[in-house]
Amino acid sequence: MPLIRSSMLTAAILASLSPVAQAQAPTTVAQGVNVIGAEKVVFRNGAVNMAGNLYLPDDYDSAKRYPAIVVAHPWGGVKEQTAGLYAQQLAHKGFVTLAFDASHYGESGGEPRDLESPADRVADIRSAVGYLASLKQVDPNRIGAVGICAGGGYTLNEAQTDLRVKAVAGVVTYDIGDATRTGIQGMPVTAADRQTLLKTVDAQLNKEAAGAPVLVQPLLPPRDTLTAASPSFLREATDYYLTPRGAHPNAHNRFVVTSPGLHMGYYPLEHMELIAPRPVLLIAGERAETLTFSQAAFAKAQQPKELYVIPGASHFDLYDKTQYVTPAVAKLAGFFAQAL
């Protein structure tokens, strides 16, 4: 056997026996596929320790300062899911990016757990912007923000009064306030529904004031309880969050039942005009039940602004499906490259 061929064979055998070679690369969210290339970081939001994943550009040079982007996750999500995917992909496009767990979720602090508080979510984003501005590898004058689903609503809201955010984008933006008050396509909320919800919240708040524990319930129903007649939004949500496609052990599929009381009076898109003259990008799916929220945000925003609708995409398609995420990331990268 020729020497070169023998050496190659020996190297291949040794590699196959090494622990590194035997370990399989992550292929699912739970295994960490969206965390590849990230560094775990911790920063503060007041008294709360915030956990994040920091991603650096592929050609990172420690002597340079880069534009940076904060990425906020959906309601009930964690940084390793779709927010991590977008942060990872935008880092490949040349940005320093930060995906983080909101207060009350994942590896971040905050009590009670699984509370969805709009005020806390906005403060989380604000602290994440400050953390990026403090990093030596980041140009503090070139920071943008993007949020996905409810994270989109919170991010657009935060940018209205944070001039450090030089450009802002929402991907399948979900207005958690309007959704609680009136519902979404296929899942309407009536005036009677609102009254019932508020009475339930009030009753639980009184119980907790008297010493009862915080009540937490499932955010999404079990998949086996849904049928073809169930709202498509619910079916698609469970297909992402409750299957290996998007499930993560830190995302517990539950919420503090008094949270909707905080959502009812929340209007994240009411003052979109305050973002101008900083640019706004809204990315939505053509088939998404949440498209109306992006359209509403676009209508209220002033120039420069753009609404980019991806043909054929549903709300949850834009969480992780390559054929829809790829054009979304390309659009975001071009938007931030020009704006930052």
C-alpha atoms as a PDB file:
ATOM      1  CA  MET A   1       0.000   0.000   0.000  1.00  0.00           C
ATOM      2  CA  PRO A   2       1.432   3.411  -0.940  1.00  0.00           C
ATOM      3  CA  LEU A   3       2.647   5.497   2.027  1.00  0.00           C
ATOM      4  CA  ILE A   4       0.164   8.358   1.489  1.00  0.00           C
ATOM      5  CA  ARG A   5      -2.799   6.010   1.263  1.00  0.00           C
ATOM      6  CA  SER A   6      -1.634   4.145   4.381  1.00  0.00           C
ATOM      7  CA  SER A   7      -1.276   7.407   6.332  1.00  0.00           C
ATOM      8  CA  MET A   8      -4.757   8.546   5.311  1.00  0.00           C
ATOM      9  CA  LEU A   9      -6.260   5.233   6.384  1.00  0.00           C
ATOM     10  CA  THR A  10      -4.500   5.386   9.757  1.00  0.00           C
ATOM     11  CA  ALA A  11      -5.730   8.947  10.334  1.00  0.00           C
ATOM     12  CA  ALA A  12      -9.282   7.952   9.468  1.00  0.00           C
ATOM     13  CA  ILE A  13      -9.199   5.031  11.915  1.00  0.00           C
ATOM     14  CA  LEU A  14      -7.824   7.218  14.712  1.00  0.00           C
ATOM     15  CA  ALA A  15     -10.432   9.899  14.042  1.00  0.00           C
ATOM     16  CA  SER A  16     -13.232   7.357  14.171  1.00  0.00           C
ATOM     17  CA  LEU A  17     -12.060   6.234  17.609  1.00  0.00           C
ATOM     18  CA  SER A  18     -11.824   9.730  19.108  1.00  0.00           C
ATOM     19  CA  PRO A  19     -14.625  10.970  21.407  1.00  0.00           C
ATOM     20  CA  VAL A  20     -14.976  14.142  19.339  1.00  0.00           C
ATOM     21  CA  ALA A  21     -15.568  12.220  16.133  1.00  0.00           C
ATOM     22  CA  GLN A  22     -18.001   9.852  17.829  1.00  0.00           C
ATOM     23  CA  ALA A  23     -20.090  12.708  19.230  1.00  0.00           C
ATOM     24  CA  GLN A  24     -22.808  13.672  16.813  1.00  0.00           C
ATOM     25  CA  ALA A  25     -23.337  17.314  15.904  1.00  0.00           C
ATOM     26  CA  PRO A  26     -26.584  18.839  17.224  1.00  0.00           C
ATOM     27  CA  THR A  27     -29.512  18.477  14.843  1.00  0.00           C
ATOM     28  CA  THR A  28     -32.457  19.642  16.970  1.00  0.00           C
ATOM     29  CA  VAL A  29     -33.328  22.682  19.026  1.00  0.00           C
ATOM     30  CA  ALA A  30     -33.126  20.648  22.231  1.00  0.00           C
ATOM     31  CA  GLN A  31     -29.658  19.420  21.287  1.00  0.00           C
ATOM     32  CA  GLY A  32     -28.494  22.981  20.654  1.00  0.00           C
ATOM     33  CA  VAL A  33     -28.471  23.334  16.874  1.00  0.00           C
ATOM     34  CA  ASN A  34     -29.244  27.073  17.183  1.00  0.00           C
ATOM     35  CA  VAL A  35     -26.557  27.585  19.817  1.00  0.00           C
ATOM     36  CA  ILE A  36     -23.645  26.439  17.668  1.00  0.00           C
ATOM     37  CA  GLY A  37     -21.041  29.207  17.657  1.00  0.00           C
ATOM     38  CA  ALA A  38     -22.537  31.078  20.624  1.00  0.00           C
ATOM     39  CA  GLU A  39     -20.955  32.122  23.903  1.00  0.00           C
ATOM     40  CA  LYS A  40     -23.048  32.138  27.082  1.00  0.00           C
ATOM     41  CA  VAL A  41     -23.213  35.560  28.719  1.00  0.00           C
ATOM     42  CA  VAL A  42     -24.907  37.106  31.742  1.00  0.00           C
ATOM     43  CA  PHE A  43     -26.040  40.703  32.148  1.00  0.00           C
ATOM     44  CA  ARG A  44     -28.318  42.611  34.491  1.00  0.00           C
ATOM     45  CA  ASN A  45     -31.801  43.996  34.162  1.00  0.00           C
ATOM     46  CA  GLY A  46     -32.094  45.826  37.462  1.00  0.00           C
ATOM     47  CA  ALA A  47     -31.994  43.121  40.139  1.00  0.00           C
ATOM     48  CA  VAL A  48     -32.532  40.292  37.631  1.00  0.00           C
ATOM     49  CA  ASN A  49     -29.719  38.245  36.130  1.00  0.00           C
ATOM     50  CA  MET A  50     -30.326  37.835  32.412  1.00  0.00           C
ATOM     51  CA  ALA A  51     -28.954  34.855  30.472  1.00  0.00           C
ATOM     52  CA  GLY A  52     -27.968  35.297  26.838  1.00  0.00           C
ATOM     53  CA  ASN A  53     -26.164  33.697  23.947  1.00  0.00           C
ATOM     54  CA  LEU A  54     -23.721  35.994  22.156  1.00  0.00           C
ATOM     55  CA  TYR A  55     -22.850  35.250  18.535  1.00  0.00           C
ATOM     56  CA  LEU A  56     -19.873  36.747  16.686  1.00  0.00           C
ATOM     57  CA  PRO A  57     -19.366  37.110  12.914  1.00  0.00           C
ATOM     58  CA  ASP A  58     -17.614  34.267  11.108  1.00  0.00           C
ATOM     59  CA  ASP A  59     -14.623  36.477  10.279  1.00  0.00           C
ATOM     60  CA  TYR A  60     -14.527  38.102  13.701  1.00  0.00           C
ATOM     61  CA  ASP A  61     -11.526  40.359  14.283  1.00  0.00           C
ATOM     62  CA  SER A  62     -10.979  41.448  17.902  1.00  0.00           C
ATOM     63  CA  ALA A  63      -9.407  44.674  16.661  1.00  0.00           C
ATOM     64  CA  LYS A  64     -12.672  45.778  15.030  1.00  0.00           C
ATOM     65  CA  ARG A  65     -15.991  47.104  16.271  1.00  0.00           C
ATOM     66  CA  TYR A  66     -19.130  45.641  14.741  1.00  0.00           C
ATOM     67  CA  PRO A  67     -22.781  46.550  14.315  1.00  0.00           C
ATOM     68  CA  ALA A  68     -24.891  44.560  16.748  1.00  0.00           C
ATOM     69  CA  ILE A  69     -28.467  43.277  16.960  1.00  0.00           C
ATOM     70  CA  VAL A  70     -30.625  42.287  19.935  1.00  0.00           C
ATOM     71  CA  VAL A  71     -33.025  39.401  19.185  1.00  0.00           C
ATOM     72  CA  ALA A  72     -36.159  38.950  21.347  1.00  0.00           C
ATOM     73  CA  HIS A  73     -38.038  35.634  21.522  1.00  0.00           C
ATOM     74  CA  PRO A  74     -41.789  34.906  21.370  1.00  0.00           C
ATOM     75  CA  TRP A  75     -44.181  34.525  24.310  1.00  0.00           C
ATOM     76  CA  GLY A  76     -43.291  31.340  26.130  1.00  0.00           C
ATOM     77  CA  GLY A  77     -40.103  30.858  24.129  1.00  0.00           C
ATOM     78  CA  VAL A  78     -36.453  30.724  25.091  1.00  0.00           C
ATOM     79  CA  LYS A  79     -33.241  31.908  23.468  1.00  0.00           C
ATOM     80  CA  GLU A  80     -32.362  28.497  22.031  1.00  0.00           C
ATOM     81  CA  GLN A  81     -35.426  28.378  19.790  1.00  0.00           C
ATOM     82  CA  THR A  82     -36.308  30.665  16.877  1.00  0.00           C
ATOM     83  CA  ALA A  83     -34.581  33.711  18.410  1.00  0.00           C
ATOM     84  CA  GLY A  84     -31.350  31.726  18.518  1.00  0.00           C
ATOM     85  CA  LEU A  85     -31.763  30.703  14.896  1.00  0.00           C
ATOM     86  CA  TYR A  86     -32.161  34.301  13.740  1.00  0.00           C
ATOM     87  CA  ALA A  87     -29.280  35.482  15.931  1.00  0.00           C
ATOM     88  CA  GLN A  88     -27.061  32.713  14.598  1.00  0.00           C
ATOM     89  CA  GLN A  89     -27.932  33.430  10.977  1.00  0.00           C
ATOM     90  CA  LEU A  90     -27.472  37.188  11.328  1.00  0.00           C
ATOM     91  CA  ALA A  91     -24.055  36.606  12.903  1.00  0.00           C
ATOM     92  CA  HIS A  92     -23.125  34.721   9.727  1.00  0.00           C
ATOM     93  CA  LYS A  93     -24.044  37.931   7.889  1.00  0.00           C
ATOM     94  CA  GLY A  94     -21.485  39.990   9.809  1.00  0.00           C
ATOM     95  CA  PHE A  95     -23.264  41.197  12.959  1.00  0.00           C
ATOM     96  CA  VAL A  96     -22.634  40.655  16.640  1.00  0.00           C
ATOM     97  CA  THR A  97     -25.971  39.305  17.881  1.00  0.00           C
ATOM     98  CA  LEU A  98     -27.549  38.557  21.238  1.00  0.00           C
ATOM     99  CA  ALA A  99     -30.425  36.158  21.867  1.00  0.00           C
ATOM    100  CA  PHE A 100     -31.524  36.099  25.497  1.00  0.00           C
ATOM    101  CA  ASP A 101     -34.085  34.589  27.835  1.00  0.00           C
ATOM    102  CA  ALA A 102     -36.696  37.099  28.942  1.00  0.00           C
ATOM    103  CA  SER A 103     -37.205  37.703  32.643  1.00  0.00           C
ATOM    104  CA  HIS A 104     -39.176  34.826  34.199  1.00  0.00           C
ATOM    105  CA  TYR A 105     -38.072  32.404  31.481  1.00  0.00           C
ATOM    106  CA  GLY A 106     -35.312  29.931  30.713  1.00  0.00           C
ATOM    107  CA  GLU A 107     -32.012  30.587  32.428  1.00  0.00           C
ATOM    108  CA  SER A 108     -32.838  34.206  33.292  1.00  0.00           C
ATOM    109  CA  GLY A 109     -34.021  35.203  36.758  1.00  0.00           C
ATOM    110  CA  GLY A 110     -37.327  36.747  37.677  1.00  0.00           C
ATOM    111  CA  GLU A 111     -40.217  35.569  39.824  1.00  0.00           C
ATOM    112  CA  PRO A 112     -42.775  34.238  39.415  1.00  0.00           C
ATOM    113  CA  ARG A 113     -41.623  31.900  36.685  1.00  0.00           C
ATOM    114  CA  ASP A 114     -43.483  32.016  33.350  1.00  0.00           C
ATOM    115  CA  LEU A 115     -44.982  35.437  33.975  1.00  0.00           C
ATOM    116  CA  GLU A 116     -45.559  37.254  30.692  1.00  0.00           C
ATOM    117  CA  SER A 117     -45.257  40.910  31.702  1.00  0.00           C
ATOM    118  CA  PRO A 118     -45.057  43.462  28.866  1.00  0.00           C
ATOM    119  CA  ALA A 119     -43.296  45.968  31.130  1.00  0.00           C
ATOM    120  CA  ASP A 120     -40.643  43.407  32.044  1.00  0.00           C
ATOM    121  CA  ARG A 121     -40.219  42.280  28.456  1.00  0.00           C
ATOM    122  CA  VAL A 122     -39.590  45.856  27.307  1.00  0.00           C
ATOM    123  CA  ALA A 123     -37.137  46.424  30.169  1.00  0.00           C
ATOM    124  CA  ASP A 124     -35.372  43.182  29.189  1.00  0.00           C
ATOM    125  CA  ILE A 125     -34.763  44.479  25.679  1.00  0.00           C
ATOM    126  CA  ARG A 126     -33.574  47.804  27.043  1.00  0.00           C
ATOM    127  CA  SER A 127     -31.031  46.062  29.261  1.00  0.00           C
ATOM    128  CA  ALA A 128     -29.882  43.877  26.351  1.00  0.00           C
ATOM    129  CA  VAL A 129     -29.222  47.008  24.279  1.00  0.00           C
ATOM    130  CA  GLY A 130     -27.144  48.413  27.120  1.00  0.00           C
ATOM    131  CA  TYR A 131     -25.209  45.195  27.461  1.00  0.00           C
ATOM    132  CA  LEU A 132     -24.290  45.179  23.764  1.00  0.00           C
ATOM    133  CA  ALA A 133     -23.285  48.841  23.969  1.00  0.00           C
ATOM    134  CA  SER A 134     -20.850  47.955  26.750  1.00  0.00           C
ATOM    135  CA  LEU A 135     -18.952  45.339  24.739  1.00  0.00           C
ATOM    136  CA  LYS A 136     -15.588  46.273  23.274  1.00  0.00           C
ATOM    137  CA  GLN A 137     -16.379  44.487  20.006  1.00  0.00           C
ATOM    138  CA  VAL A 138     -19.590  46.484  19.463  1.00  0.00           C
ATOM    139  CA  ASP A 139     -19.982  49.965  18.033  1.00  0.00           C
ATOM    140  CA  PRO A 140     -22.539  51.491  20.441  1.00  0.00           C
ATOM    141  CA  ASN A 141     -23.778  53.808  17.707  1.00  0.00           C
ATOM    142  CA  ARG A 142     -24.703  50.880  15.449  1.00  0.00           C
ATOM    143  CA  ILE A 143     -27.157  48.790  17.467  1.00  0.00           C
ATOM    144  CA  GLY A 144     -30.405  47.420  16.067  1.00  0.00           C
ATOM    145  CA  ALA A 145     -33.156  45.207  17.426  1.00  0.00           C
ATOM    146  CA  VAL A 146     -35.427  42.514  16.034  1.00  0.00           C
ATOM    147  CA  GLY A 147     -38.182  40.552  17.726  1.00  0.00           C
ATOM    148  CA  ILE A 148     -40.160  37.490  16.707  1.00  0.00           C
ATOM    149  CA  CYS A 149     -43.890  37.039  17.369  1.00  0.00           C
ATOM    150  CA  ALA A 150     -44.683  38.748  20.717  1.00  0.00           C
ATOM    151  CA  GLY A 151     -41.000  39.639  20.856  1.00  0.00           C
ATOM    152  CA  GLY A 152     -41.658  41.694  17.731  1.00  0.00           C
ATOM    153  CA  GLY A 153     -44.383  43.698  19.448  1.00  0.00           C
ATOM    154  CA  TYR A 154     -42.198  44.295  22.488  1.00  0.00           C
ATOM    155  CA  THR A 155     -39.204  45.281  20.362  1.00  0.00           C
ATOM    156  CA  LEU A 156     -41.181  47.759  18.273  1.00  0.00           C
ATOM    157  CA  ASN A 157     -42.599  49.202  21.487  1.00  0.00           C
ATOM    158  CA  GLU A 158     -39.188  49.483  23.163  1.00  0.00           C
ATOM    159  CA  ALA A 159     -37.627  51.240  20.179  1.00  0.00           C
ATOM    160  CA  GLN A 160     -40.239  53.992  20.337  1.00  0.00           C
ATOM    161  CA  THR A 161     -38.474  55.496  23.361  1.00  0.00           C
ATOM    162  CA  ASP A 162     -34.924  54.147  23.073  1.00  0.00           C
ATOM    163  CA  LEU A 163     -32.818  56.215  20.697  1.00  0.00           C
ATOM    164  CA  ARG A 164     -29.898  53.817  21.122  1.00  0.00           C
ATOM    165  CA  VAL A 165     -31.789  51.460  18.800  1.00  0.00           C
ATOM    166  CA  LYS A 166     -30.871  52.823  15.379  1.00  0.00           C
ATOM    167  CA  ALA A 167     -33.078  50.425  13.388  1.00  0.00           C
ATOM    168  CA  VAL A 168     -35.818  47.996  14.409  1.00  0.00           C
ATOM    169  CA  ALA A 169     -37.559  45.023  12.825  1.00  0.00           C
ATOM    170  CA  GLY A 170     -40.410  42.697  13.693  1.00  0.00           C
ATOM    171  CA  VAL A 171     -40.756  39.174  12.293  1.00  0.00           C
ATOM    172  CA  VAL A 172     -44.353  37.864  12.326  1.00  0.00           C
ATOM    173  CA  THR A 173     -45.093  40.558  14.898  1.00  0.00           C
ATOM    174  CA  TYR A 174     -47.735  39.621  17.464  1.00  0.00           C
ATOM    175  CA  ASP A 175     -49.532  42.408  19.323  1.00  0.00           C
ATOM    176  CA  ILE A 176     -50.181  40.619  22.608  1.00  0.00           C
ATOM    177  CA  GLY A 177     -52.466  43.430  23.747  1.00  0.00           C
ATOM    178  CA  ASP A 178     -54.753  43.444  20.729  1.00  0.00           C
ATOM    179  CA  ALA A 179     -54.719  39.646  20.557  1.00  0.00           C
ATOM    180  CA  THR A 180     -55.926  39.496  24.179  1.00  0.00           C
ATOM    181  CA  ARG A 181     -58.623  42.113  23.595  1.00  0.00           C
ATOM    182  CA  THR A 182     -59.958  41.018  20.200  1.00  0.00           C
ATOM    183  CA  GLY A 183     -58.189  37.779  19.259  1.00  0.00           C
ATOM    184  CA  ILE A 184     -56.698  36.791  15.930  1.00  0.00           C
ATOM    185  CA  GLN A 185     -58.049  35.348  12.705  1.00  0.00           C
ATOM    186  CA  GLY A 186     -59.796  32.084  13.517  1.00  0.00           C
ATOM    187  CA  MET A 187     -59.699  32.756  17.276  1.00  0.00           C
ATOM    188  CA  PRO A 188     -61.853  35.835  17.972  1.00  0.00           C
ATOM    189  CA  VAL A 189     -62.383  37.318  21.445  1.00  0.00           C
ATOM    190  CA  THR A 190     -65.775  38.878  22.253  1.00  0.00           C
ATOM    191  CA  ALA A 191     -66.722  41.497  24.820  1.00  0.00           C
ATOM    192  CA  ALA A 192     -68.190  38.710  26.955  1.00  0.00           C
ATOM    193  CA  ASP A 193     -64.916  36.778  26.644  1.00  0.00           C
ATOM    194  CA  ARG A 194     -63.006  39.820  27.877  1.00  0.00           C
ATOM    195  CA  GLN A 195     -65.229  40.174  30.912  1.00  0.00           C
ATOM    196  CA  THR A 196     -64.904  36.488  31.757  1.00  0.00           C
ATOM    197  CA  LEU A 197     -61.132  36.659  31.421  1.00  0.00           C
ATOM    198  CA  LEU A 198     -60.811  39.717  33.640  1.00  0.00           C
ATOM    199  CA  LYS A 199     -63.093  38.220  36.293  1.00  0.00           C
ATOM    200  CA  THR A 200     -60.938  35.086  36.319  1.00  0.00           C
ATOM    201  CA  VAL A 201     -57.778  37.156  36.662  1.00  0.00           C
ATOM    202  CA  ASP A 202     -59.287  39.276  39.437  1.00  0.00           C
ATOM    203  CA  ALA A 203     -60.408  36.219  41.376  1.00  0.00           C
ATOM    204  CA  GLN A 204     -56.957  34.680  41.200  1.00  0.00           C
ATOM    205  CA  LEU A 205     -55.281  37.935  42.239  1.00  0.00           C
ATOM    206  CA  ASN A 206     -57.504  38.021  45.333  1.00  0.00           C
ATOM    207  CA  LYS A 207     -56.572  34.422  46.146  1.00  0.00           C
ATOM    208  CA  GLU A 208     -52.884  35.229  45.840  1.00  0.00           C
ATOM    209  CA  ALA A 209     -53.282  38.339  47.978  1.00  0.00           C
ATOM    210  CA  ALA A 210     -54.755  36.049  50.651  1.00  0.00           C
ATOM    211  CA  GLY A 211     -51.754  33.745  50.476  1.00  0.00           C
ATOM    212  CA  ALA A 212     -52.523  31.288  47.686  1.00  0.00           C
ATOM    213  CA  PRO A 213     -49.629  30.304  45.385  1.00  0.00           C
ATOM    214  CA  VAL A 214     -49.262  31.797  41.934  1.00  0.00           C
ATOM    215  CA  LEU A 215     -51.382  29.771  39.514  1.00  0.00           C
ATOM    216  CA  VAL A 216     -49.671  28.467  36.376  1.00  0.00           C
ATOM    217  CA  GLN A 217     -51.414  26.625  33.544  1.00  0.00           C
ATOM    218  CA  PRO A 218     -50.417  25.190  30.133  1.00  0.00           C
ATOM    219  CA  LEU A 219     -49.960  27.804  27.429  1.00  0.00           C
ATOM    220  CA  LEU A 220     -50.752  25.393  24.586  1.00  0.00           C
ATOM    221  CA  PRO A 221     -53.111  22.398  24.754  1.00  0.00           C
ATOM    222  CA  PRO A 222     -51.808  18.827  24.317  1.00  0.00           C
ATOM    223  CA  ARG A 223     -51.411  17.936  20.651  1.00  0.00           C
ATOM    224  CA  ASP A 224     -53.700  14.919  20.965  1.00  0.00           C
ATOM    225  CA  THR A 225     -56.605  17.178  21.948  1.00  0.00           C
ATOM    226  CA  LEU A 226     -56.491  19.050  18.635  1.00  0.00           C
ATOM    227  CA  THR A 227     -58.284  18.026  15.460  1.00  0.00           C
ATOM    228  CA  ALA A 228     -58.448  19.202  11.865  1.00  0.00           C
ATOM    229  CA  ALA A 229     -61.213  21.563  12.997  1.00  0.00           C
ATOM    230  CA  SER A 230     -58.974  23.245  15.596  1.00  0.00           C
ATOM    231  CA  PRO A 231     -57.655  26.726  14.729  1.00  0.00           C
ATOM    232  CA  SER A 232     -54.629  26.436  12.457  1.00  0.00           C
ATOM    233  CA  PHE A 233     -52.674  28.820  14.687  1.00  0.00           C
ATOM    234  CA  LEU A 234     -52.974  26.399  17.612  1.00  0.00           C
ATOM    235  CA  ARG A 235     -52.151  23.375  15.475  1.00  0.00           C
ATOM    236  CA  GLU A 236     -49.054  25.047  14.048  1.00  0.00           C
ATOM    237  CA  ALA A 237     -47.976  26.325  17.453  1.00  0.00           C
ATOM    238  CA  THR A 238     -48.064  22.855  18.967  1.00  0.00           C
ATOM    239  CA  ASP A 239     -46.257  21.460  15.929  1.00  0.00           C
ATOM    240  CA  TYR A 240     -43.372  23.780  16.733  1.00  0.00           C
ATOM    241  CA  TYR A 241     -43.303  23.987  20.525  1.00  0.00           C
ATOM    242  CA  LEU A 242     -44.479  20.497  21.481  1.00  0.00           C
ATOM    243  CA  THR A 243     -42.481  18.364  19.043  1.00  0.00           C
ATOM    244  CA  PRO A 244     -38.733  17.842  18.499  1.00  0.00           C
ATOM    245  CA  ARG A 245     -38.957  20.462  15.759  1.00  0.00           C
ATOM    246  CA  GLY A 246     -38.860  23.301  18.308  1.00  0.00           C
ATOM    247  CA  ALA A 247     -39.206  21.890  21.823  1.00  0.00           C
ATOM    248  CA  HIS A 248     -36.557  22.801  24.372  1.00  0.00           C
ATOM    249  CA  PRO A 249     -36.327  21.657  28.007  1.00  0.00           C
ATOM    250  CA  ASN A 250     -36.143  25.281  29.209  1.00  0.00           C
ATOM    251  CA  ALA A 251     -39.419  26.179  27.470  1.00  0.00           C
ATOM    252  CA  HIS A 252     -42.071  24.805  29.816  1.00  0.00           C
ATOM    253  CA  ASN A 253     -45.266  25.557  27.856  1.00  0.00           C
ATOM    254  CA  ARG A 254     -46.961  27.304  30.747  1.00  0.00           C
ATOM    255  CA  PHE A 255     -47.975  30.781  31.814  1.00  0.00           C
ATOM    256  CA  VAL A 256     -49.039  32.607  34.957  1.00  0.00           C
ATOM    257  CA  VAL A 257     -52.804  32.827  34.529  1.00  0.00           C
ATOM    258  CA  THR A 258     -52.955  36.446  35.671  1.00  0.00           C
ATOM    259  CA  SER A 259     -50.625  37.516  32.824  1.00  0.00           C
ATOM    260  CA  PRO A 260     -53.494  38.372  30.407  1.00  0.00           C
ATOM    261  CA  GLY A 261     -54.632  41.026  32.853  1.00  0.00           C
ATOM    262  CA  LEU A 262     -51.367  42.807  32.063  1.00  0.00           C
ATOM    263  CA  HIS A 263     -51.868  42.295  28.334  1.00  0.00           C
ATOM    264  CA  MET A 264     -55.387  43.690  28.173  1.00  0.00           C
ATOM    265  CA  GLY A 265     -54.282  47.304  28.588  1.00  0.00           C
ATOM    266  CA  TYR A 266     -51.072  47.038  26.577  1.00  0.00           C
ATOM    267  CA  TYR A 267     -50.858  48.888  23.220  1.00  0.00           C
ATOM    268  CA  PRO A 268     -47.358  48.253  21.847  1.00  0.00           C
ATOM    269  CA  LEU A 269     -47.990  49.652  18.377  1.00  0.00           C
ATOM    270  CA  GLU A 270     -49.878  52.793  19.362  1.00  0.00           C
ATOM    271  CA  HIS A 271     -46.953  55.189  18.863  1.00  0.00           C
ATOM    272  CA  MET A 272     -44.983  53.701  16.012  1.00  0.00           C
ATOM    273  CA  GLU A 273     -44.477  57.222  14.682  1.00  0.00           C
ATOM    274  CA  LEU A 274     -41.997  57.878  17.497  1.00  0.00           C
ATOM    275  CA  ILE A 275     -39.455  55.579  15.862  1.00  0.00           C
ATOM    276  CA  ALA A 276     -38.965  57.887  12.850  1.00  0.00           C
ATOM    277  CA  PRO A 277     -36.614  58.931  11.370  1.00  0.00           C
ATOM    278  CA  ARG A 278     -35.053  55.612  12.359  1.00  0.00           C
ATOM    279  CA  PRO A 279     -36.055  52.864   9.899  1.00  0.00           C
ATOM    280  CA  VAL A 280     -38.610  50.118  10.554  1.00  0.00           C
ATOM    281  CA  LEU A 281     -38.846  46.739   8.810  1.00  0.00           C
ATOM    282  CA  LEU A 282     -41.826  44.433   9.239  1.00  0.00           C
ATOM    283  CA  ILE A 283     -41.611  40.865   7.938  1.00  0.00           C
ATOM    284  CA  ALA A 284     -44.764  38.768   7.805  1.00  0.00           C
ATOM    285  CA  GLY A 285     -46.091  35.606   6.252  1.00  0.00           C
ATOM    286  CA  GLU A 286     -48.698  35.824   3.517  1.00  0.00           C
ATOM    287  CA  ARG A 287     -50.800  33.131   5.228  1.00  0.00           C
ATOM    288  CA  ALA A 288     -50.130  34.237   8.808  1.00  0.00           C
ATOM    289  CA  GLU A 289     -53.081  35.017  11.058  1.00  0.00           C
ATOM    290  CA  THR A 290     -50.833  37.711  12.533  1.00  0.00           C
ATOM    291  CA  LEU A 291     -50.324  39.571   9.251  1.00  0.00           C
ATOM    292  CA  THR A 292     -52.829  42.192  10.395  1.00  0.00           C
ATOM    293  CA  PHE A 293     -50.520  43.198  13.252  1.00  0.00           C
ATOM    294  CA  SER A 294     -47.659  43.902  10.852  1.00  0.00           C
ATOM    295  CA  GLN A 295     -50.027  45.839   8.627  1.00  0.00           C
ATOM    296  CA  ALA A 296     -51.237  47.887  11.608  1.00  0.00           C
ATOM    297  CA  ALA A 297     -47.680  48.644  12.711  1.00  0.00           C
ATOM    298  CA  PHE A 298     -46.765  49.646   9.171  1.00  0.00           C
ATOM    299  CA  ALA A 299     -49.778  51.959   8.907  1.00  0.00           C
ATOM    300  CA  LYS A 300     -48.868  53.749  12.142  1.00  0.00           C
ATOM    301  CA  ALA A 301     -45.142  54.034  11.416  1.00  0.00           C
ATOM    302  CA  GLN A 302     -43.647  56.903   9.485  1.00  0.00           C
ATOM    303  CA  GLN A 303     -40.998  56.724   6.795  1.00  0.00           C
ATOM    304  CA  PRO A 304     -38.569  55.112   6.378  1.00  0.00           C
ATOM    305  CA  LYS A 305     -40.539  51.885   6.692  1.00  0.00           C
ATOM    306  CA  GLU A 306     -41.120  48.658   4.793  1.00  0.00           C
ATOM    307  CA  LEU A 307     -43.563  45.770   5.028  1.00  0.00           C
ATOM    308  CA  TYR A 308     -42.074  42.613   3.506  1.00  0.00           C
ATOM    309  CA  VAL A 309     -44.591  39.798   3.049  1.00  0.00           C
ATOM    310  CA  ILE A 310     -43.162  36.361   2.267  1.00  0.00           C
ATOM    311  CA  PRO A 311     -45.392  34.452  -0.173  1.00  0.00           C
ATOM    312  CA  GLY A 312     -46.922  31.235   1.086  1.00  0.00           C
ATOM    313  CA  ALA A 313     -45.568  31.545   4.624  1.00  0.00           C
ATOM    314  CA  SER A 314     -47.641  31.036   7.748  1.00  0.00           C
ATOM    315  CA  HIS A 315     -46.786  32.507  11.143  1.00  0.00           C
ATOM    316  CA  PHE A 316     -44.831  29.501  12.399  1.00  0.00           C
ATOM    317  CA  ASP A 317     -43.211  28.807   9.020  1.00  0.00           C
ATOM    318  CA  LEU A 318     -41.056  31.845   9.760  1.00  0.00           C
ATOM    319  CA  TYR A 319     -39.833  30.322  13.012  1.00  0.00           C
ATOM    320  CA  ASP A 320     -37.559  27.773  11.399  1.00  0.00           C
ATOM    321  CA  LYS A 321     -38.473  26.571   7.911  1.00  0.00           C
ATOM    322  CA  THR A 322     -35.488  27.186   5.656  1.00  0.00           C
ATOM    323  CA  GLN A 323     -37.426  28.245   2.568  1.00  0.00           C
ATOM    324  CA  TYR A 324     -38.995  31.099   4.544  1.00  0.00           C
ATOM    325  CA  VAL A 325     -36.292  31.922   7.093  1.00  0.00           C
ATOM    326  CA  THR A 326     -33.616  32.299   4.406  1.00  0.00           C
ATOM    327  CA  PRO A 327     -35.312  35.216   2.601  1.00  0.00           C
ATOM    328  CA  ALA A 328     -36.299  36.741   5.945  1.00  0.00           C
ATOM    329  CA  VAL A 329     -32.702  36.694   7.187  1.00  0.00           C
ATOM    330  CA  ALA A 330     -31.449  38.060   3.869  1.00  0.00           C
ATOM    331  CA  LYS A 331     -33.939  40.921   4.123  1.00  0.00           C
ATOM    332  CA  LEU A 332     -32.972  41.629   7.732  1.00  0.00           C
ATOM    333  CA  ALA A 333     -29.264  41.542   6.910  1.00  0.00           C
ATOM    334  CA  GLY A 334     -29.666  44.005   4.059  1.00  0.00           C
ATOM    335  CA  PHE A 335     -31.871  46.247   6.179  1.00  0.00           C
ATOM    336  CA  PHE A 336     -29.467  46.396   9.116  1.00  0.00           C
ATOM    337  CA  ALA A 337     -26.392  46.661   6.905  1.00  0.00           C
ATOM    338  CA  GLN A 338     -27.817  49.817   5.383  1.00  0.00           C
ATOM    339  CA  ALA A 339     -29.277  51.251   8.597  1.00  0.00           C
ATOM    340  CA  LEU A 340     -26.465  50.606  11.071  1.00  0.00           C
END
